[in-house]
Amino acid sequence: MNNILCTICMRGSSKGVPNKNIKIINGKPLLYYSLKQAIVSKLFSKIVVSTDSEKISRLSKKYGAECWFKRPKYLSTDRVAKLPVIRHALLKSEKYFKQTFNIVIDLDATSPLRTANDIKYAYKKFIKESSSNLISATPANKNPYFNQIQFKKNKYDVVIRKADMPKRRQDAPKIYDMNASIYIWKRDFLLKSNNLFTDKTSLYIMPPERSCDIDTFLDLEFVKYILTKK
């Protein structure tokens, strides 16, 4: 059986919504929801939180995660990509638990509307398609072939222009937004590659109502509304 590691990476500070990972929703901090989904899925050998915050560390352990190391400063700025942070958590976990994790699944705490079933179905798709990695996404509201514009060469135009441009939105190529909810990697691919997309990348499609990633206070209010209705 595969040893599967769940990583949840949370910085103590954020610019868009300060301290968003510990914002209280329905009496629980935001981080609680992703931790609960990971536990309920019953997929993981270990669930590990990477953070530079003592408060996040304390709350994560309270709600069932392993959190024994403090993320170093060089991996805790808002300019650091997520891949190095996940790699760091993987290597720390393998050394600490004295085992190799064949698969890593990262859940973003700021995308709490996924379900435990989303995690399980994404994993099944990953295995079925023999993927190197998997990314979750949702159908995009706007399409660069049809109704997204940019200012270029002193004029406004659609982002992508072709000779046979679609006349209706329904005829445009299908476009998806990455929803920052679920990422899955084979261990070797995670450690060796900086490419997010290859010919072995799979996509797990989620509906918009489970795809909100909290970047703004409006996002936070939407998530609060949805979670209080459950």
C-alpha atoms as a PDB file:
ATOM      1  CA  MET A   1       0.000   0.000   0.000  1.00  0.00           C
ATOM      2  CA  ASN A   2       1.250   3.514  -0.775  1.00  0.00           C
ATOM      3  CA  ASN A   3       2.397   5.671   2.103  1.00  0.00           C
ATOM      4  CA  ILE A   4       0.583   8.949   1.507  1.00  0.00           C
ATOM      5  CA  LEU A   5       1.627  12.196   3.168  1.00  0.00           C
ATOM      6  CA  CYS A   6      -0.799  15.095   3.523  1.00  0.00           C
ATOM      7  CA  THR A   7       0.810  18.522   3.744  1.00  0.00           C
ATOM      8  CA  ILE A   8      -1.007  21.714   4.737  1.00  0.00           C
ATOM      9  CA  CYS A   9       1.214  24.774   4.422  1.00  0.00           C
ATOM     10  CA  MET A  10       0.232  27.919   6.317  1.00  0.00           C
ATOM     11  CA  ARG A  11       2.201  31.102   6.920  1.00  0.00           C
ATOM     12  CA  GLY A  12       1.473  33.149   9.999  1.00  0.00           C
ATOM     13  CA  SER A  13       1.008  36.343   8.002  1.00  0.00           C
ATOM     14  CA  SER A  14      -0.782  37.188   4.795  1.00  0.00           C
ATOM     15  CA  LYS A  15      -1.325  40.455   2.943  1.00  0.00           C
ATOM     16  CA  GLY A  16      -4.796  40.081   1.427  1.00  0.00           C
ATOM     17  CA  VAL A  17      -6.551  38.866   4.578  1.00  0.00           C
ATOM     18  CA  PRO A  18      -4.265  39.115   7.637  1.00  0.00           C
ATOM     19  CA  ASN A  19      -4.175  35.952   9.787  1.00  0.00           C
ATOM     20  CA  LYS A  20      -6.693  34.302   7.476  1.00  0.00           C
ATOM     21  CA  ASN A  21      -5.702  30.728   8.411  1.00  0.00           C
ATOM     22  CA  ILE A  22      -6.960  31.252  11.957  1.00  0.00           C
ATOM     23  CA  LYS A  23     -10.039  33.370  11.217  1.00  0.00           C
ATOM     24  CA  ILE A  24     -12.966  31.975  13.202  1.00  0.00           C
ATOM     25  CA  ILE A  25     -15.861  30.511  11.188  1.00  0.00           C
ATOM     26  CA  ASN A  26     -18.682  28.705  12.999  1.00  0.00           C
ATOM     27  CA  GLY A  27     -16.598  28.684  16.163  1.00  0.00           C
ATOM     28  CA  LYS A  28     -13.592  27.003  14.508  1.00  0.00           C
ATOM     29  CA  PRO A  29     -10.419  28.459  12.942  1.00  0.00           C
ATOM     30  CA  LEU A  30     -10.250  28.247   9.157  1.00  0.00           C
ATOM     31  CA  LEU A  31      -7.462  25.643   9.290  1.00  0.00           C
ATOM     32  CA  TYR A  32      -9.797  23.234  11.112  1.00  0.00           C
ATOM     33  CA  TYR A  33     -11.864  22.532   7.989  1.00  0.00           C
ATOM     34  CA  SER A  34      -9.015  21.234   5.811  1.00  0.00           C
ATOM     35  CA  LEU A  35      -7.584  19.210   8.692  1.00  0.00           C
ATOM     36  CA  LYS A  36     -10.977  17.624   9.326  1.00  0.00           C
ATOM     37  CA  GLN A  37     -11.388  16.735   5.628  1.00  0.00           C
ATOM     38  CA  ALA A  38      -7.952  15.127   5.578  1.00  0.00           C
ATOM     39  CA  ILE A  39      -8.776  13.042   8.657  1.00  0.00           C
ATOM     40  CA  VAL A  40     -12.230  12.021   7.401  1.00  0.00           C
ATOM     41  CA  SER A  41     -10.811  10.922   4.028  1.00  0.00           C
ATOM     42  CA  LYS A  42      -8.765   8.189   5.790  1.00  0.00           C
ATOM     43  CA  LEU A  43      -6.203   8.341   2.978  1.00  0.00           C
ATOM     44  CA  PHE A  44      -3.169   9.506   4.853  1.00  0.00           C
ATOM     45  CA  SER A  45      -0.375   7.849   6.763  1.00  0.00           C
ATOM     46  CA  LYS A  46       0.466  11.245   8.258  1.00  0.00           C
ATOM     47  CA  ILE A  47      -1.020  14.743   8.157  1.00  0.00           C
ATOM     48  CA  VAL A  48       1.682  17.381   8.552  1.00  0.00           C
ATOM     49  CA  VAL A  49       1.414  21.158   8.881  1.00  0.00           C
ATOM     50  CA  SER A  50       4.260  23.418   7.752  1.00  0.00           C
ATOM     51  CA  THR A  51       4.153  26.834   9.415  1.00  0.00           C
ATOM     52  CA  ASP A  52       6.270  29.607  10.855  1.00  0.00           C
ATOM     53  CA  SER A  53       3.565  30.477  13.412  1.00  0.00           C
ATOM     54  CA  GLU A  54       3.438  29.117  16.954  1.00  0.00           C
ATOM     55  CA  LYS A  55      -0.315  29.764  17.120  1.00  0.00           C
ATOM     56  CA  ILE A  56      -1.004  27.889  13.885  1.00  0.00           C
ATOM     57  CA  SER A  57       1.220  25.064  15.120  1.00  0.00           C
ATOM     58  CA  ARG A  58      -0.655  24.840  18.408  1.00  0.00           C
ATOM     59  CA  LEU A  59      -4.092  24.884  16.762  1.00  0.00           C
ATOM     60  CA  SER A  60      -3.036  22.353  14.111  1.00  0.00           C
ATOM     61  CA  LYS A  61      -1.947  19.872  16.779  1.00  0.00           C
ATOM     62  CA  LYS A  62      -5.191  20.497  18.660  1.00  0.00           C
ATOM     63  CA  TYR A  63      -7.189  19.471  15.579  1.00  0.00           C
ATOM     64  CA  GLY A  64      -5.208  16.343  14.756  1.00  0.00           C
ATOM     65  CA  ALA A  65      -2.153  17.295  12.674  1.00  0.00           C
ATOM     66  CA  GLU A  66       1.528  16.610  13.238  1.00  0.00           C
ATOM     67  CA  CYS A  67       3.495  19.843  13.606  1.00  0.00           C
ATOM     68  CA  TRP A  68       6.899  19.514  15.269  1.00  0.00           C
ATOM     69  CA  PHE A  69       9.135  21.750  13.108  1.00  0.00           C
ATOM     70  CA  LYS A  70       9.083  25.476  12.467  1.00  0.00           C
ATOM     71  CA  ARG A  71       9.299  26.506   8.819  1.00  0.00           C
ATOM     72  CA  PRO A  72      12.532  28.459   8.253  1.00  0.00           C
ATOM     73  CA  LYS A  73      12.401  32.162   7.453  1.00  0.00           C
ATOM     74  CA  TYR A  74      13.728  31.744   3.912  1.00  0.00           C
ATOM     75  CA  LEU A  75      10.619  29.649   3.128  1.00  0.00           C
ATOM     76  CA  SER A  76       8.169  31.933   4.939  1.00  0.00           C
ATOM     77  CA  THR A  77       8.054  35.092   2.828  1.00  0.00           C
ATOM     78  CA  ASP A  78       5.246  36.003   0.447  1.00  0.00           C
ATOM     79  CA  ARG A  79       7.655  35.668  -2.497  1.00  0.00           C
ATOM     80  CA  VAL A  80       8.415  31.989  -1.948  1.00  0.00           C
ATOM     81  CA  ALA A  81       6.720  29.505  -4.296  1.00  0.00           C
ATOM     82  CA  LYS A  82       4.817  26.654  -2.736  1.00  0.00           C
ATOM     83  CA  LEU A  83       6.812  23.778  -4.253  1.00  0.00           C
ATOM     84  CA  PRO A  84       9.962  24.338  -2.140  1.00  0.00           C
ATOM     85  CA  VAL A  85       7.803  24.529   0.984  1.00  0.00           C
ATOM     86  CA  ILE A  86       6.115  21.190   0.225  1.00  0.00           C
ATOM     87  CA  ARG A  87       9.452  19.552  -0.611  1.00  0.00           C
ATOM     88  CA  HIS A  88      10.846  20.807   2.701  1.00  0.00           C
ATOM     89  CA  ALA A  89       7.850  19.344   4.578  1.00  0.00           C
ATOM     90  CA  LEU A  90       8.224  16.013   2.768  1.00  0.00           C
ATOM     91  CA  LEU A  91      11.922  15.649   3.585  1.00  0.00           C
ATOM     92  CA  LYS A  92      11.383  16.752   7.182  1.00  0.00           C
ATOM     93  CA  SER A  93       8.581  14.176   7.517  1.00  0.00           C
ATOM     94  CA  GLU A  94      10.584  11.313   6.030  1.00  0.00           C
ATOM     95  CA  LYS A  95      13.462  11.999   8.410  1.00  0.00           C
ATOM     96  CA  TYR A  96      11.182  12.410  11.443  1.00  0.00           C
ATOM     97  CA  PHE A  97       8.944   9.392  10.805  1.00  0.00           C
ATOM     98  CA  LYS A  98      11.766   7.271   9.332  1.00  0.00           C
ATOM     99  CA  GLN A  99       9.710   6.265   6.298  1.00  0.00           C
ATOM    100  CA  THR A 100       9.365   7.109   2.625  1.00  0.00           C
ATOM    101  CA  PHE A 101       6.133   8.664   1.391  1.00  0.00           C
ATOM    102  CA  ASN A 102       5.398   7.584  -2.180  1.00  0.00           C
ATOM    103  CA  ILE A 103       2.677  10.178  -2.725  1.00  0.00           C
ATOM    104  CA  VAL A 104       2.195  13.699  -1.381  1.00  0.00           C
ATOM    105  CA  ILE A 105      -1.187  15.420  -1.328  1.00  0.00           C
ATOM    106  CA  ASP A 106      -1.205  19.111  -0.474  1.00  0.00           C
ATOM    107  CA  LEU A 107      -4.392  20.790   0.720  1.00  0.00           C
ATOM    108  CA  ASP A 108      -4.620  24.556   0.885  1.00  0.00           C
ATOM    109  CA  ALA A 109      -6.234  25.736   4.124  1.00  0.00           C
ATOM    110  CA  THR A 110      -7.667  28.755   2.312  1.00  0.00           C
ATOM    111  CA  SER A 111      -9.804  26.492   0.100  1.00  0.00           C
ATOM    112  CA  PRO A 112     -12.020  24.927   2.778  1.00  0.00           C
ATOM    113  CA  LEU A 113     -15.117  24.190   0.680  1.00  0.00           C
ATOM    114  CA  ARG A 114     -13.743  20.953  -0.780  1.00  0.00           C
ATOM    115  CA  THR A 115     -15.043  17.720   0.752  1.00  0.00           C
ATOM    116  CA  ALA A 116     -13.305  14.570   1.951  1.00  0.00           C
ATOM    117  CA  ASN A 117     -14.815  12.890  -1.120  1.00  0.00           C
ATOM    118  CA  ASP A 118     -13.117  15.445  -3.371  1.00  0.00           C
ATOM    119  CA  ILE A 119      -9.785  14.367  -1.906  1.00  0.00           C
ATOM    120  CA  LYS A 120     -10.604  10.670  -2.388  1.00  0.00           C
ATOM    121  CA  TYR A 121     -11.930  11.097  -5.941  1.00  0.00           C
ATOM    122  CA  ALA A 122      -8.915  13.192  -6.934  1.00  0.00           C
ATOM    123  CA  TYR A 123      -6.625  10.485  -5.588  1.00  0.00           C
ATOM    124  CA  LYS A 124      -8.524   7.758  -7.477  1.00  0.00           C
ATOM    125  CA  LYS A 125      -8.181   9.759 -10.710  1.00  0.00           C
ATOM    126  CA  PHE A 126      -4.476  10.241 -10.030  1.00  0.00           C
ATOM    127  CA  ILE A 127      -3.971   6.485  -9.596  1.00  0.00           C
ATOM    128  CA  LYS A 128      -6.222   5.472 -12.503  1.00  0.00           C
ATOM    129  CA  GLU A 129      -4.392   7.766 -14.936  1.00  0.00           C
ATOM    130  CA  SER A 130      -0.909   6.863 -13.618  1.00  0.00           C
ATOM    131  CA  SER A 131      -0.228  10.573 -13.249  1.00  0.00           C
ATOM    132  CA  SER A 132       2.998  12.263 -12.266  1.00  0.00           C
ATOM    133  CA  ASN A 133       0.892  14.946 -10.575  1.00  0.00           C
ATOM    134  CA  LEU A 134      -2.695  16.188 -10.321  1.00  0.00           C
ATOM    135  CA  ILE A 135      -4.159  19.667  -9.969  1.00  0.00           C
ATOM    136  CA  SER A 136      -7.700  20.608  -8.998  1.00  0.00           C
ATOM    137  CA  ALA A 137      -9.557  23.230 -11.011  1.00  0.00           C
ATOM    138  CA  THR A 138     -12.984  24.652 -11.765  1.00  0.00           C
ATOM    139  CA  PRO A 139     -14.578  25.845 -15.042  1.00  0.00           C
ATOM    140  CA  ALA A 140     -13.536  29.458 -15.665  1.00  0.00           C
ATOM    141  CA  ASN A 141     -16.140  32.230 -15.758  1.00  0.00           C
ATOM    142  CA  LYS A 142     -14.181  34.168 -18.366  1.00  0.00           C
ATOM    143  CA  ASN A 143     -12.484  32.874 -21.485  1.00  0.00           C
ATOM    144  CA  PRO A 144      -9.353  34.406 -23.097  1.00  0.00           C
ATOM    145  CA  TYR A 145     -10.634  33.266 -26.516  1.00  0.00           C
ATOM    146  CA  PHE A 146     -13.905  35.157 -26.088  1.00  0.00           C
ATOM    147  CA  ASN A 147     -14.469  37.679 -23.289  1.00  0.00           C
ATOM    148  CA  GLN A 148     -11.146  38.473 -21.623  1.00  0.00           C
ATOM    149  CA  ILE A 149      -9.348  41.567 -22.913  1.00  0.00           C
ATOM    150  CA  GLN A 150      -5.929  43.151 -22.500  1.00  0.00           C
ATOM    151  CA  PHE A 151      -4.285  46.469 -23.349  1.00  0.00           C
ATOM    152  CA  LYS A 152      -1.527  45.810 -25.862  1.00  0.00           C
ATOM    153  CA  LYS A 153       0.123  47.948 -28.535  1.00  0.00           C
ATOM    154  CA  ASN A 154      -1.963  50.977 -27.504  1.00  0.00           C
ATOM    155  CA  LYS A 155      -5.311  49.243 -27.953  1.00  0.00           C
ATOM    156  CA  TYR A 156      -7.679  46.834 -26.271  1.00  0.00           C
ATOM    157  CA  ASP A 157      -8.141  43.370 -27.710  1.00  0.00           C
ATOM    158  CA  VAL A 158      -9.034  39.860 -26.627  1.00  0.00           C
ATOM    159  CA  VAL A 159      -6.218  38.043 -24.867  1.00  0.00           C
ATOM    160  CA  ILE A 160      -6.000  35.340 -27.538  1.00  0.00           C
ATOM    161  CA  ARG A 161      -6.824  36.172 -31.160  1.00  0.00           C
ATOM    162  CA  LYS A 162      -7.113  33.533 -33.862  1.00  0.00           C
ATOM    163  CA  ALA A 163      -8.296  33.601 -37.471  1.00  0.00           C
ATOM    164  CA  ASP A 164     -11.299  31.463 -36.549  1.00  0.00           C
ATOM    165  CA  MET A 165     -12.320  33.264 -33.353  1.00  0.00           C
ATOM    166  CA  PRO A 166     -15.488  31.828 -31.715  1.00  0.00           C
ATOM    167  CA  LYS A 167     -18.620  33.934 -32.085  1.00  0.00           C
ATOM    168  CA  ARG A 168     -20.289  32.458 -29.007  1.00  0.00           C
ATOM    169  CA  ARG A 169     -18.938  31.677 -25.530  1.00  0.00           C
ATOM    170  CA  GLN A 170     -20.225  28.098 -25.911  1.00  0.00           C
ATOM    171  CA  ASP A 171     -17.952  27.603 -28.950  1.00  0.00           C
ATOM    172  CA  ALA A 172     -14.762  28.778 -27.219  1.00  0.00           C
ATOM    173  CA  PRO A 173     -12.229  26.177 -25.981  1.00  0.00           C
ATOM    174  CA  LYS A 174     -12.876  24.977 -22.445  1.00  0.00           C
ATOM    175  CA  ILE A 175     -10.822  26.959 -19.931  1.00  0.00           C
ATOM    176  CA  TYR A 176     -10.335  26.172 -16.242  1.00  0.00           C
ATOM    177  CA  ASP A 177      -9.217  28.135 -13.199  1.00  0.00           C
ATOM    178  CA  MET A 178      -6.817  26.417 -10.817  1.00  0.00           C
ATOM    179  CA  ASN A 179      -8.651  26.580  -7.495  1.00  0.00           C
ATOM    180  CA  ALA A 180      -5.692  25.957  -5.139  1.00  0.00           C
ATOM    181  CA  SER A 181      -7.588  23.169  -3.396  1.00  0.00           C
ATOM    182  CA  ILE A 182      -5.874  19.822  -4.078  1.00  0.00           C
ATOM    183  CA  TYR A 183      -2.413  19.036  -5.436  1.00  0.00           C
ATOM    184  CA  ILE A 184      -1.048  15.500  -5.724  1.00  0.00           C
ATOM    185  CA  TRP A 185       2.497  14.400  -6.609  1.00  0.00           C
ATOM    186  CA  LYS A 186       4.463  11.244  -6.980  1.00  0.00           C
ATOM    187  CA  ARG A 187       7.411  11.611  -4.650  1.00  0.00           C
ATOM    188  CA  ASP A 188      10.149  11.483  -7.293  1.00  0.00           C
ATOM    189  CA  PHE A 189       8.376  13.972  -9.544  1.00  0.00           C
ATOM    190  CA  LEU A 190       7.890  16.417  -6.661  1.00  0.00           C
ATOM    191  CA  LEU A 191      11.553  16.265  -5.686  1.00  0.00           C
ATOM    192  CA  LYS A 192      13.037  16.440  -9.173  1.00  0.00           C
ATOM    193  CA  SER A 193      10.780  18.649 -11.292  1.00  0.00           C
ATOM    194  CA  ASN A 194       9.817  22.313 -11.147  1.00  0.00           C
ATOM    195  CA  ASN A 195       7.236  21.860 -13.908  1.00  0.00           C
ATOM    196  CA  LEU A 196       3.622  21.927 -12.831  1.00  0.00           C
ATOM    197  CA  PHE A 197       2.312  20.719 -16.196  1.00  0.00           C
ATOM    198  CA  THR A 198       3.580  17.721 -18.157  1.00  0.00           C
ATOM    199  CA  ASP A 199       1.984  15.138 -20.431  1.00  0.00           C
ATOM    200  CA  LYS A 200       1.370  13.108 -17.243  1.00  0.00           C
ATOM    201  CA  THR A 201      -0.501  15.857 -15.357  1.00  0.00           C
ATOM    202  CA  SER A 202      -4.139  15.144 -14.470  1.00  0.00           C
ATOM    203  CA  LEU A 203      -6.929  17.615 -13.758  1.00  0.00           C
ATOM    204  CA  TYR A 204      -9.639  17.067 -11.160  1.00  0.00           C
ATOM    205  CA  ILE A 205     -12.641  19.287 -11.899  1.00  0.00           C
ATOM    206  CA  MET A 206     -14.615  20.738  -8.997  1.00  0.00           C
ATOM    207  CA  PRO A 207     -17.792  22.835  -9.123  1.00  0.00           C
ATOM    208  CA  PRO A 208     -17.591  26.591  -8.397  1.00  0.00           C
ATOM    209  CA  GLU A 209     -19.450  26.242  -5.100  1.00  0.00           C
ATOM    210  CA  ARG A 210     -16.562  24.148  -3.713  1.00  0.00           C
ATOM    211  CA  SER A 211     -13.751  26.100  -5.348  1.00  0.00           C
ATOM    212  CA  CYS A 212     -13.396  29.411  -3.529  1.00  0.00           C
ATOM    213  CA  ASP A 213      -9.801  30.241  -2.534  1.00  0.00           C
ATOM    214  CA  ILE A 214      -9.670  32.988   0.089  1.00  0.00           C
ATOM    215  CA  ASP A 215      -7.586  35.878  -1.246  1.00  0.00           C
ATOM    216  CA  THR A 216      -9.835  38.797  -0.279  1.00  0.00           C
ATOM    217  CA  PHE A 217     -12.274  39.768   2.468  1.00  0.00           C
ATOM    218  CA  LEU A 218     -15.107  39.195  -0.027  1.00  0.00           C
ATOM    219  CA  ASP A 219     -13.885  35.610  -0.515  1.00  0.00           C
ATOM    220  CA  LEU A 220     -13.809  35.204   3.261  1.00  0.00           C
ATOM    221  CA  GLU A 221     -17.394  36.425   3.631  1.00  0.00           C
ATOM    222  CA  PHE A 222     -18.548  34.048   0.881  1.00  0.00           C
ATOM    223  CA  VAL A 223     -16.838  31.094   2.572  1.00  0.00           C
ATOM    224  CA  LYS A 224     -18.338  32.081   5.939  1.00  0.00           C
ATOM    225  CA  TYR A 225     -21.786  32.165   4.367  1.00  0.00           C
ATOM    226  CA  ILE A 226     -21.422  28.738   2.754  1.00  0.00           C
ATOM    227  CA  LEU A 227     -19.948  27.059   5.825  1.00  0.00           C
ATOM    228  CA  THR A 228     -22.585  28.479   8.162  1.00  0.00           C
ATOM    229  CA  LYS A 229     -25.273  26.998   5.896  1.00  0.00           C
ATOM    230  CA  LYS A 230     -23.857  23.446   6.176  1.00  0.00           C
END
